[in-house]
Amino acid sequence: MDQSTHTDLLQEIFGRPGTGPLAGVVVADLSRVLAGPYCTMLLADMGATVIKVESAAGDDARAWVPPQRDGESTFFLSVNRNKYSIALDFDDPGDLGLVEQIVARADILVENFKPGGLARWGLDYESVSAWRPDIVYASITGFGTDGGAQLPGYDLLAQALSGMMSLTGSQHGEPYRAGVALFDVITGLHAAVGVLGAHHERRASGLGQHVELNLLSSALSGLVNQTAAFVAGGTVPTRMGNEHPSLYPYEPFPARNKELVIAVGNNAQFARLCTCLGAPELAADERFATVAARNANRAQLRELMIERLAARDAEDWFERLMAVKVPCAPILGVDEGVRFAADLGLEPVAVAGTGERRIPTVRHPASFSRTPVDYGQAPPALDGDRERVLAWLAAGRPVGAVAGAAVREAS
C-alpha cells in the first residue's frame, strides 16, 4: 500500500481531516498516566493516528479524581485528545495478536512500562525490532534501565532526586515540589522531539531505532542553569525563594494592594524601571549600576523599591511599567491566567470532538501556517474505538504481524 493510499484509508476509517504535519503517521500508544500520553497527544494533535492500547481497567489516570467533568477525570482528559482507544488483554493470545497487528502497522511505538516489563509478551524493543527493524520505538522510564531500573517512575521522586525540590521554596523553609508534575511533562516533550528526530532519520536510512528517555535525565536537563552551576561552575545552588541566582530585581514585590512580579534582565530595563519609580538616580548608583552590583546589594535595592511601589496598586504599576517595556506581571490564578491568554488573543481553549461529545481542552502550543493541527477527536472512552481499529486492521494485515506471531511462538 503506497503512502497516499495509506493516508486516505486512515482518513476514511478514523475520520481525521489529514491536514496536520504528521498526517499518515501511525503511533501505537502503549503508555499511560502522563509523560507518554502527553507525548502521544502532541503527535496526535499534529495529525498522527494514535491507537491508545489500554487494559480492561483502562489508563490509571482515568480514575484520578477529583477534579472531574461529567464523571471523567480531567487529568485523563488533559493528555488524551485525538486518540483512539482499544482495550486489550496482553495475556490473551487473541488480544496479543491484535496488539502485534497494531505494532506492525505503526511507524512509532511509545511505551512507559517498567524496564523489561514488555518482554514477557515479546513486545520489548529487542523482540519487536527483530521483525520490525524500521520501527521507531520510544521507552520512557523513571530512572533508566540500569541502576535505577527498580525505582518507581513517579514525578515527585524525580523532583526530589534531581535537586529540584532543594531549589523550590523559601530560603529558610522546607523544600517544595512544583505545583505540576513538571518532569513528566518535560519528559513527554523530550520524547516527542526524540521520536520525531528518529522518524526523520528513518526516511534516509530505512531503519528505526530505540529512543530511551527517563524522568531523571529530563529533570537534570530541564534544570538548565541550575545544573550547569554545579557541572560547569562547581557551585551547588540552594533555595532562594522567588529570587533568581543571577538577576536582580527578579521576583515579586509588594505594591499598595498586592504583589507584582518584576523581572529585570539588563541595565537598560533597570534604568527605565528606576525612572518609572521616580528614582532615576538609582540607575547610576554604583551599588546598582550593573547586574553584578545589583546581585551583591539585593537587600538595599529591595527596600528602596518597596518604598516606591507602595504608592500605587499592582494593576497601576503593571500598566505603567509595561508601557516603558519593563517586564512585569501580576500573580494570577489558573482561571485568571486562562482568561488573560484569551484577552491577548492566544485562544488558549480548544474544544476537542464533534457532535455530543465535545470537551474543552488546552490548545496545542504550536501553530502551523500550512498544516494546522485539529481537535476533531475528544479524549476517548475506554475501548470506545474498537470497531474502527479492527476495521483498519482488517483493511490489510501486514507481513510484520505474522512475523511477530512466529517470533512469539518460537520463544
Protein backbone atom coordinates (compact mmCIF):
# COMPACT_ATOMS: atom_id res chain seq x y z
CA MET A 1 0.00 0.00 0.00
CA ASP A 2 1.56 3.32 -1.05
CA GLN A 3 1.66 6.29 1.33
CA SER A 4 -1.17 8.25 -0.25
CA THR A 5 -3.49 5.22 -0.20
CA HIS A 6 -2.45 4.53 3.38
CA THR A 7 -3.23 8.10 4.43
CA ASP A 8 -6.56 8.03 2.61
CA LEU A 9 -7.50 4.82 4.41
CA LEU A 10 -6.72 6.37 7.79
CA GLN A 11 -8.87 9.36 6.95
CA GLU A 12 -11.72 7.19 5.74
CA ILE A 13 -11.80 4.92 8.80
CA PHE A 14 -10.89 7.31 11.59
CA GLY A 15 -12.38 10.49 10.18
CA ARG A 16 -9.44 12.83 10.77
CA PRO A 17 -9.04 15.57 8.14
CA GLY A 18 -5.42 14.66 7.37
CA THR A 19 -4.21 18.26 7.35
CA GLY A 20 -1.61 18.12 10.14
CA PRO A 21 2.14 17.78 9.52
CA LEU A 22 2.08 14.16 10.78
CA ALA A 23 -0.92 13.02 8.72
CA GLY A 24 -0.39 9.40 7.69
CA VAL A 25 1.91 8.59 10.63
CA VAL A 26 0.59 5.83 12.91
CA VAL A 27 1.53 5.66 16.60
CA ALA A 28 0.98 2.63 18.81
CA ASP A 29 0.49 4.19 22.24
CA LEU A 30 1.21 1.66 24.99
CA SER A 31 1.74 4.36 27.59
CA ARG A 32 -0.38 5.63 30.45
CA VAL A 33 -0.69 8.36 33.07
CA LEU A 34 1.24 11.47 31.93
CA ALA A 35 4.69 11.53 30.26
CA GLY A 36 3.87 9.06 27.48
CA PRO A 37 0.28 10.22 26.90
CA TYR A 38 1.40 13.86 26.76
CA CYS A 39 3.96 12.93 24.07
CA THR A 40 1.43 10.98 22.03
CA MET A 41 -1.24 13.67 22.34
CA LEU A 42 1.17 16.22 20.86
CA LEU A 43 1.79 13.82 17.97
CA ALA A 44 -1.94 13.21 17.58
CA ASP A 45 -2.69 16.93 17.51
CA MET A 46 -0.24 17.22 14.62
CA GLY A 47 -2.21 14.66 12.63
CA ALA A 48 -0.74 11.31 13.65
CA THR A 49 -3.22 8.45 14.08
CA VAL A 50 -2.65 7.37 17.67
CA ILE A 51 -4.04 3.99 18.75
CA LYS A 52 -4.21 4.00 22.54
CA VAL A 53 -3.96 0.40 23.74
CA GLU A 54 -5.38 0.06 27.25
CA SER A 55 -6.07 -2.76 29.67
CA ALA A 56 -9.64 -3.66 30.55
CA ALA A 57 -9.30 -1.37 33.60
CA GLY A 58 -8.04 1.46 31.43
CA ASP A 59 -5.31 4.03 31.87
CA ASP A 60 -4.70 4.59 35.60
CA ALA A 61 -5.34 8.30 35.11
CA ARG A 62 -8.99 7.61 34.25
CA ALA A 63 -9.54 7.02 37.98
CA TRP A 64 -7.62 10.07 39.22
CA VAL A 65 -10.40 12.26 40.57
CA PRO A 66 -11.19 14.93 41.64
CA PRO A 67 -11.44 17.12 39.66
CA GLN A 68 -13.74 15.69 37.03
CA ARG A 69 -16.06 16.63 34.19
CA ASP A 70 -19.28 14.65 33.88
CA GLY A 71 -17.68 11.81 35.84
CA GLU A 72 -14.45 11.75 33.81
CA SER A 73 -11.05 12.60 35.23
CA THR A 74 -9.83 15.98 33.98
CA PHE A 75 -6.31 14.62 34.47
CA PHE A 76 -7.02 11.96 31.83
CA LEU A 77 -8.84 14.42 29.58
CA SER A 78 -5.85 16.78 29.66
CA VAL A 79 -3.48 14.45 27.77
CA ASN A 80 -5.57 12.11 25.63
CA ARG A 81 -7.48 14.00 22.96
CA ASN A 82 -7.27 12.98 19.31
CA LYS A 83 -6.60 9.32 20.18
CA TYR A 84 -8.47 6.08 19.56
CA SER A 85 -8.89 3.61 22.42
CA ILE A 86 -8.99 -0.15 22.26
CA ALA A 87 -8.85 -2.34 25.39
CA LEU A 88 -6.77 -5.50 25.01
CA ASP A 89 -5.50 -8.14 27.43
CA PHE A 90 -1.87 -8.94 26.65
CA ASP A 91 -2.25 -12.30 28.42
CA ASP A 92 -4.96 -13.34 25.97
CA PRO A 93 -3.38 -14.82 22.80
CA GLY A 94 -6.07 -13.34 20.56
CA ASP A 95 -5.73 -9.88 22.05
CA LEU A 96 -1.94 -10.09 21.96
CA GLY A 97 -2.23 -10.91 18.26
CA LEU A 98 -4.21 -7.69 17.78
CA VAL A 99 -1.55 -5.71 19.65
CA GLU A 100 1.06 -7.19 17.30
CA GLN A 101 -1.01 -6.19 14.30
CA ILE A 102 -1.26 -2.63 15.59
CA VAL A 103 2.50 -2.54 16.16
CA ALA A 104 3.07 -3.99 12.69
CA ARG A 105 1.10 -1.14 11.14
CA ALA A 106 2.68 1.58 13.30
CA ASP A 107 5.52 3.93 12.45
CA ILE A 108 6.16 4.80 16.09
CA LEU A 109 5.60 2.93 19.34
CA VAL A 110 5.60 4.73 22.71
CA GLU A 111 5.60 2.81 26.00
CA ASN A 112 6.31 3.51 29.66
CA PHE A 113 6.17 0.07 31.22
CA LYS A 114 8.68 -0.80 33.92
CA PRO A 115 12.06 -1.71 32.40
CA GLY A 116 11.76 -5.16 30.86
CA GLY A 117 8.03 -5.29 31.55
CA LEU A 118 7.01 -5.88 27.93
CA ALA A 119 9.49 -8.70 27.31
CA ARG A 120 7.11 -11.34 28.67
CA TRP A 121 4.79 -10.65 25.74
CA GLY A 122 7.50 -10.21 23.14
CA LEU A 123 6.73 -6.51 22.88
CA ASP A 124 10.05 -5.14 24.13
CA TYR A 125 12.31 -3.35 21.68
CA GLU A 126 14.64 -6.29 21.07
CA SER A 127 11.72 -8.57 20.19
CA VAL A 128 9.77 -6.07 18.09
CA SER A 129 12.79 -4.77 16.18
CA ALA A 130 13.60 -8.34 15.13
CA TRP A 131 10.55 -8.28 12.84
CA ARG A 132 10.06 -4.50 12.56
CA PRO A 133 13.59 -3.12 12.12
CA ASP A 134 12.10 0.09 10.75
CA ILE A 135 10.01 0.98 13.81
CA VAL A 136 10.79 3.99 15.98
CA TYR A 137 10.36 2.62 19.49
CA ALA A 138 10.31 5.05 22.43
CA SER A 139 10.66 3.83 26.02
CA ILE A 140 10.05 6.15 28.96
CA THR A 141 11.24 5.09 32.41
CA GLY A 142 11.67 6.81 35.73
CA PHE A 143 15.39 6.35 36.24
CA GLY A 144 16.78 4.36 33.33
CA THR A 145 17.28 0.66 32.81
CA ASP A 146 20.48 0.11 34.79
CA GLY A 147 20.93 1.07 38.44
CA GLY A 148 17.60 2.86 38.58
CA ALA A 149 15.54 0.17 36.92
CA GLN A 150 13.73 -0.78 40.13
CA LEU A 151 12.88 2.76 41.22
CA PRO A 152 9.20 3.69 40.69
CA GLY A 153 8.81 6.26 37.92
CA TYR A 154 6.97 8.97 39.82
CA ASP A 155 7.48 12.63 39.01
CA LEU A 156 7.65 13.55 42.70
CA LEU A 157 10.60 11.20 43.17
CA ALA A 158 12.36 12.81 40.19
CA GLN A 159 11.75 16.26 41.68
CA ALA A 160 13.30 15.07 44.94
CA LEU A 161 16.25 13.16 43.48
CA SER A 162 17.19 15.71 40.81
CA GLY A 163 17.63 18.57 43.25
CA MET A 164 14.52 20.39 42.04
CA MET A 165 12.88 20.37 45.47
CA SER A 166 16.08 21.64 47.10
CA LEU A 167 15.68 24.73 44.90
CA THR A 168 11.97 25.30 45.48
CA GLY A 169 10.58 27.10 48.50
CA SER A 170 11.67 29.92 50.79
CA GLN A 171 15.32 30.21 51.71
CA HIS A 172 14.85 29.10 55.31
CA GLY A 173 11.75 26.95 54.80
CA GLU A 174 11.15 23.38 53.74
CA PRO A 175 11.65 22.08 50.19
CA TYR A 176 8.59 22.09 47.93
CA ARG A 177 7.60 20.26 44.81
CA ALA A 178 6.45 22.22 41.77
CA GLY A 179 2.71 22.66 41.51
CA VAL A 180 2.53 20.38 38.46
CA ALA A 181 4.24 17.09 37.51
CA LEU A 182 6.87 19.16 35.75
CA PHE A 183 9.31 16.43 34.78
CA ASP A 184 6.61 14.14 33.43
CA VAL A 185 5.67 16.98 31.08
CA ILE A 186 9.28 17.78 30.17
CA THR A 187 9.98 14.09 29.54
CA GLY A 188 6.91 13.94 27.31
CA LEU A 189 8.21 16.89 25.34
CA HIS A 190 11.66 15.30 25.06
CA ALA A 191 10.03 12.07 23.91
CA ALA A 192 8.11 13.88 21.17
CA VAL A 193 11.30 15.57 19.97
CA GLY A 194 13.23 12.30 20.11
CA VAL A 195 10.75 10.21 18.15
CA LEU A 196 10.34 12.88 15.51
CA GLY A 197 14.11 13.06 15.11
CA ALA A 198 14.30 9.28 14.71
CA HIS A 199 11.31 9.29 12.36
CA HIS A 200 13.01 11.91 10.19
CA GLU A 201 16.27 9.94 10.08
CA ARG A 202 14.43 6.77 9.11
CA ARG A 203 13.37 8.36 5.85
CA ALA A 204 17.02 8.31 4.78
CA SER A 205 18.20 5.04 6.34
CA GLY A 206 15.02 2.96 6.24
CA LEU A 207 15.77 1.85 9.77
CA GLY A 208 14.11 2.62 13.06
CA GLN A 209 15.81 2.81 16.43
CA HIS A 210 15.24 2.71 20.15
CA VAL A 211 14.71 6.13 21.73
CA GLU A 212 15.11 5.91 25.51
CA LEU A 213 14.11 8.60 27.97
CA ASN A 214 13.85 8.83 31.73
CA LEU A 215 12.48 11.35 34.19
CA LEU A 216 15.77 11.97 35.98
CA SER A 217 17.77 12.77 32.85
CA SER A 218 14.96 15.03 31.67
CA ALA A 219 14.91 16.70 35.07
CA LEU A 220 18.64 17.39 35.08
CA SER A 221 18.40 18.76 31.55
CA GLY A 222 15.33 20.82 32.49
CA LEU A 223 17.12 22.42 35.44
CA VAL A 224 19.41 24.09 32.85
CA ASN A 225 21.35 26.89 34.55
CA GLN A 226 20.97 25.30 37.98
CA THR A 227 22.60 22.01 36.98
CA ALA A 228 25.17 23.96 34.93
CA ALA A 229 26.06 25.93 38.05
CA PHE A 230 27.35 22.70 39.57
CA VAL A 231 28.51 20.80 36.48
CA ALA A 232 30.36 23.72 34.90
CA GLY A 233 30.92 26.05 37.84
CA GLY A 234 31.29 23.83 40.88
CA THR A 235 28.58 25.79 42.68
CA VAL A 236 25.77 23.99 44.49
CA PRO A 237 22.56 26.05 44.05
CA THR A 238 20.27 26.46 47.04
CA ARG A 239 16.74 27.67 47.69
CA MET A 240 16.29 31.38 47.21
CA GLY A 241 12.53 31.67 47.46
CA ASN A 242 11.34 33.63 44.44
CA GLU A 243 14.71 35.22 43.75
CA HIS A 244 16.93 34.42 40.78
CA PRO A 245 20.57 33.41 41.40
CA SER A 246 21.93 35.62 38.61
CA LEU A 247 19.49 38.52 38.17
CA TYR A 248 18.02 41.24 40.39
CA PRO A 249 15.36 42.59 40.65
CA TYR A 250 13.70 39.37 39.53
CA GLU A 251 10.96 38.40 41.99
CA PRO A 252 7.58 39.54 43.38
CA PHE A 253 7.46 42.90 45.15
CA PRO A 254 4.60 44.23 47.27
CA ALA A 255 2.71 47.12 45.74
CA ARG A 256 -0.03 49.01 47.59
CA ASN A 257 -2.66 46.25 47.30
CA LYS A 258 -0.83 43.06 46.31
CA GLU A 259 2.38 41.68 44.86
CA LEU A 260 3.74 42.34 41.38
CA VAL A 261 6.49 40.33 39.70
CA ILE A 262 9.27 42.50 38.27
CA ALA A 263 11.84 40.76 36.06
CA VAL A 264 14.77 42.95 35.01
CA GLY A 265 17.20 41.25 32.65
CA ASN A 266 19.61 44.05 31.71
CA ASN A 267 20.84 47.54 32.62
CA ALA A 268 18.60 49.36 30.14
CA GLN A 269 15.49 47.79 31.67
CA PHE A 270 16.72 48.70 35.13
CA ALA A 271 17.21 52.31 34.10
CA ARG A 272 13.65 52.50 32.76
CA LEU A 273 12.35 50.90 35.95
CA CYS A 274 14.11 53.48 38.10
CA THR A 275 12.73 56.34 36.02
CA CYS A 276 9.20 54.95 36.25
CA LEU A 277 9.57 54.58 40.03
CA GLY A 278 10.57 58.25 40.26
CA ALA A 279 14.15 57.46 41.25
CA PRO A 280 16.29 57.71 38.08
CA GLU A 281 19.39 58.28 40.19
CA LEU A 282 19.36 54.65 41.33
CA ALA A 283 20.39 53.50 37.85
CA ALA A 284 23.66 55.39 38.19
CA ASP A 285 24.27 54.43 41.82
CA GLU A 286 27.39 52.27 41.91
CA ARG A 287 25.59 49.83 44.20
CA PHE A 288 23.06 49.07 41.47
CA ALA A 289 24.56 50.17 38.13
CA THR A 290 25.49 46.66 36.92
CA VAL A 291 23.98 43.18 37.11
CA ALA A 292 26.77 42.05 39.45
CA ALA A 293 26.31 45.09 41.69
CA ARG A 294 22.55 44.62 41.93
CA ASN A 295 23.07 40.98 42.87
CA ALA A 296 25.54 41.96 45.58
CA ASN A 297 23.24 44.64 47.03
CA ARG A 298 19.83 42.99 46.78
CA ALA A 299 18.65 43.86 50.26
CA GLN A 300 19.25 47.60 49.91
CA LEU A 301 17.68 47.72 46.44
CA ARG A 302 14.65 45.75 47.56
CA GLU A 303 13.94 48.21 50.39
CA LEU A 304 14.19 51.20 48.06
CA MET A 305 11.89 49.59 45.51
CA ILE A 306 9.27 48.56 48.07
CA GLU A 307 9.18 52.11 49.41
CA ARG A 308 8.30 53.48 45.97
CA LEU A 309 6.00 50.64 44.87
CA ALA A 310 3.80 51.25 47.91
CA ALA A 311 2.46 54.41 46.25
CA ARG A 312 0.27 52.56 43.70
CA ASP A 313 -1.74 49.39 43.21
CA ALA A 314 -0.15 46.47 41.37
CA GLU A 315 -2.51 46.90 38.39
CA ASP A 316 -1.45 50.53 38.02
CA TRP A 317 2.24 49.64 38.16
CA PHE A 318 1.68 46.84 35.64
CA GLU A 319 0.29 49.29 33.09
CA ARG A 320 2.95 51.91 33.77
CA LEU A 321 5.92 49.53 33.70
CA MET A 322 4.75 47.65 30.64
CA ALA A 323 4.27 50.95 28.84
CA VAL A 324 8.01 51.61 29.23
CA LYS A 325 8.92 47.99 28.43
CA VAL A 326 9.90 46.85 31.89
CA PRO A 327 8.97 43.16 32.23
CA CYS A 328 6.44 42.66 34.99
CA ALA A 329 3.27 40.74 35.78
CA PRO A 330 0.62 40.38 38.45
CA ILE A 331 0.39 36.93 40.05
CA LEU A 332 -2.76 35.31 38.68
CA GLY A 333 -4.73 32.19 39.48
CA VAL A 334 -5.04 29.48 36.82
CA ASP A 335 -8.50 30.76 35.94
CA GLU A 336 -7.19 34.28 35.55
CA GLY A 337 -4.22 33.01 33.52
CA VAL A 338 -6.51 31.32 31.01
CA ARG A 339 -8.63 34.47 30.73
CA PHE A 340 -5.52 36.64 30.34
CA ALA A 341 -4.28 34.46 27.48
CA ALA A 342 -7.72 34.78 25.88
CA ASP A 343 -7.58 38.56 26.25
CA LEU A 344 -4.26 38.52 24.39
CA GLY A 345 -5.90 36.67 21.51
CA LEU A 346 -3.99 33.44 22.14
CA GLU A 347 -7.19 31.38 22.17
CA PRO A 348 -5.99 29.01 24.93
CA VAL A 349 -9.07 26.78 24.94
CA ALA A 350 -9.70 24.32 22.10
CA VAL A 351 -12.86 22.23 22.07
CA ALA A 352 -11.98 18.66 21.14
CA GLY A 353 -14.53 16.41 19.50
CA THR A 354 -17.69 16.75 17.48
CA GLY A 355 -21.38 16.14 17.97
CA GLU A 356 -22.49 15.34 21.51
CA ARG A 357 -19.01 14.65 22.84
CA ARG A 358 -17.15 17.95 22.91
CA ILE A 359 -14.54 18.54 25.63
CA PRO A 360 -12.82 21.88 26.35
CA THR A 361 -9.05 21.31 26.33
CA VAL A 362 -5.92 23.44 26.31
CA ARG A 363 -4.77 24.35 22.82
CA HIS A 364 -1.71 22.69 21.29
CA PRO A 365 1.25 25.04 21.90
CA ALA A 366 2.48 25.16 18.28
CA SER A 367 0.76 26.82 15.32
CA PHE A 368 1.48 25.75 11.75
CA SER A 369 0.92 28.13 8.85
CA ARG A 370 0.30 25.44 6.21
CA THR A 371 -0.55 22.23 8.08
CA PRO A 372 -2.73 23.21 11.02
CA VAL A 373 -3.47 20.95 13.97
CA ASP A 374 -7.05 19.88 14.53
CA TYR A 375 -9.11 18.86 17.55
CA GLY A 376 -11.62 16.57 15.91
CA GLN A 377 -11.39 13.72 18.40
CA ALA A 378 -12.39 14.12 22.04
CA PRO A 379 -10.41 12.10 24.62
CA PRO A 380 -11.64 8.56 24.02
CA ALA A 381 -13.94 6.47 26.14
CA LEU A 382 -12.30 3.23 27.24
CA ASP A 383 -12.41 0.80 24.28
CA GLY A 384 -14.58 3.35 22.51
CA ASP A 385 -12.88 2.92 19.14
CA ARG A 386 -12.60 -0.86 18.98
CA GLU A 387 -14.66 -1.19 15.81
CA ARG A 388 -12.71 1.46 13.96
CA VAL A 389 -9.36 -0.03 14.98
CA LEU A 390 -10.48 -3.51 13.97
CA ALA A 391 -11.78 -2.20 10.64
CA TRP A 392 -8.41 -0.56 10.00
CA LEU A 393 -6.56 -3.78 10.81
CA ALA A 394 -8.89 -5.80 8.60
CA ALA A 395 -8.18 -3.47 5.69
CA GLY A 396 -4.77 -5.04 5.22
CA ARG A 397 -2.84 -7.22 7.65
CA PRO A 398 0.88 -6.69 7.02
CA VAL A 399 3.53 -9.37 6.92
CA GLY A 400 5.10 -7.98 10.09
CA ALA A 401 2.20 -9.14 12.25
CA VAL A 402 2.63 -12.71 11.02
CA ALA A 403 6.35 -12.49 11.68
CA GLY A 404 5.69 -11.19 15.18
CA ALA A 405 3.41 -14.09 15.96
CA ALA A 406 6.03 -16.51 14.67
CA VAL A 407 8.70 -14.99 16.88
CA ARG A 408 6.40 -15.24 19.89
CA GLU A 409 5.51 -18.87 19.21
CA ALA A 410 9.16 -19.80 18.67
CA SER A 411 10.14 -18.30 22.02
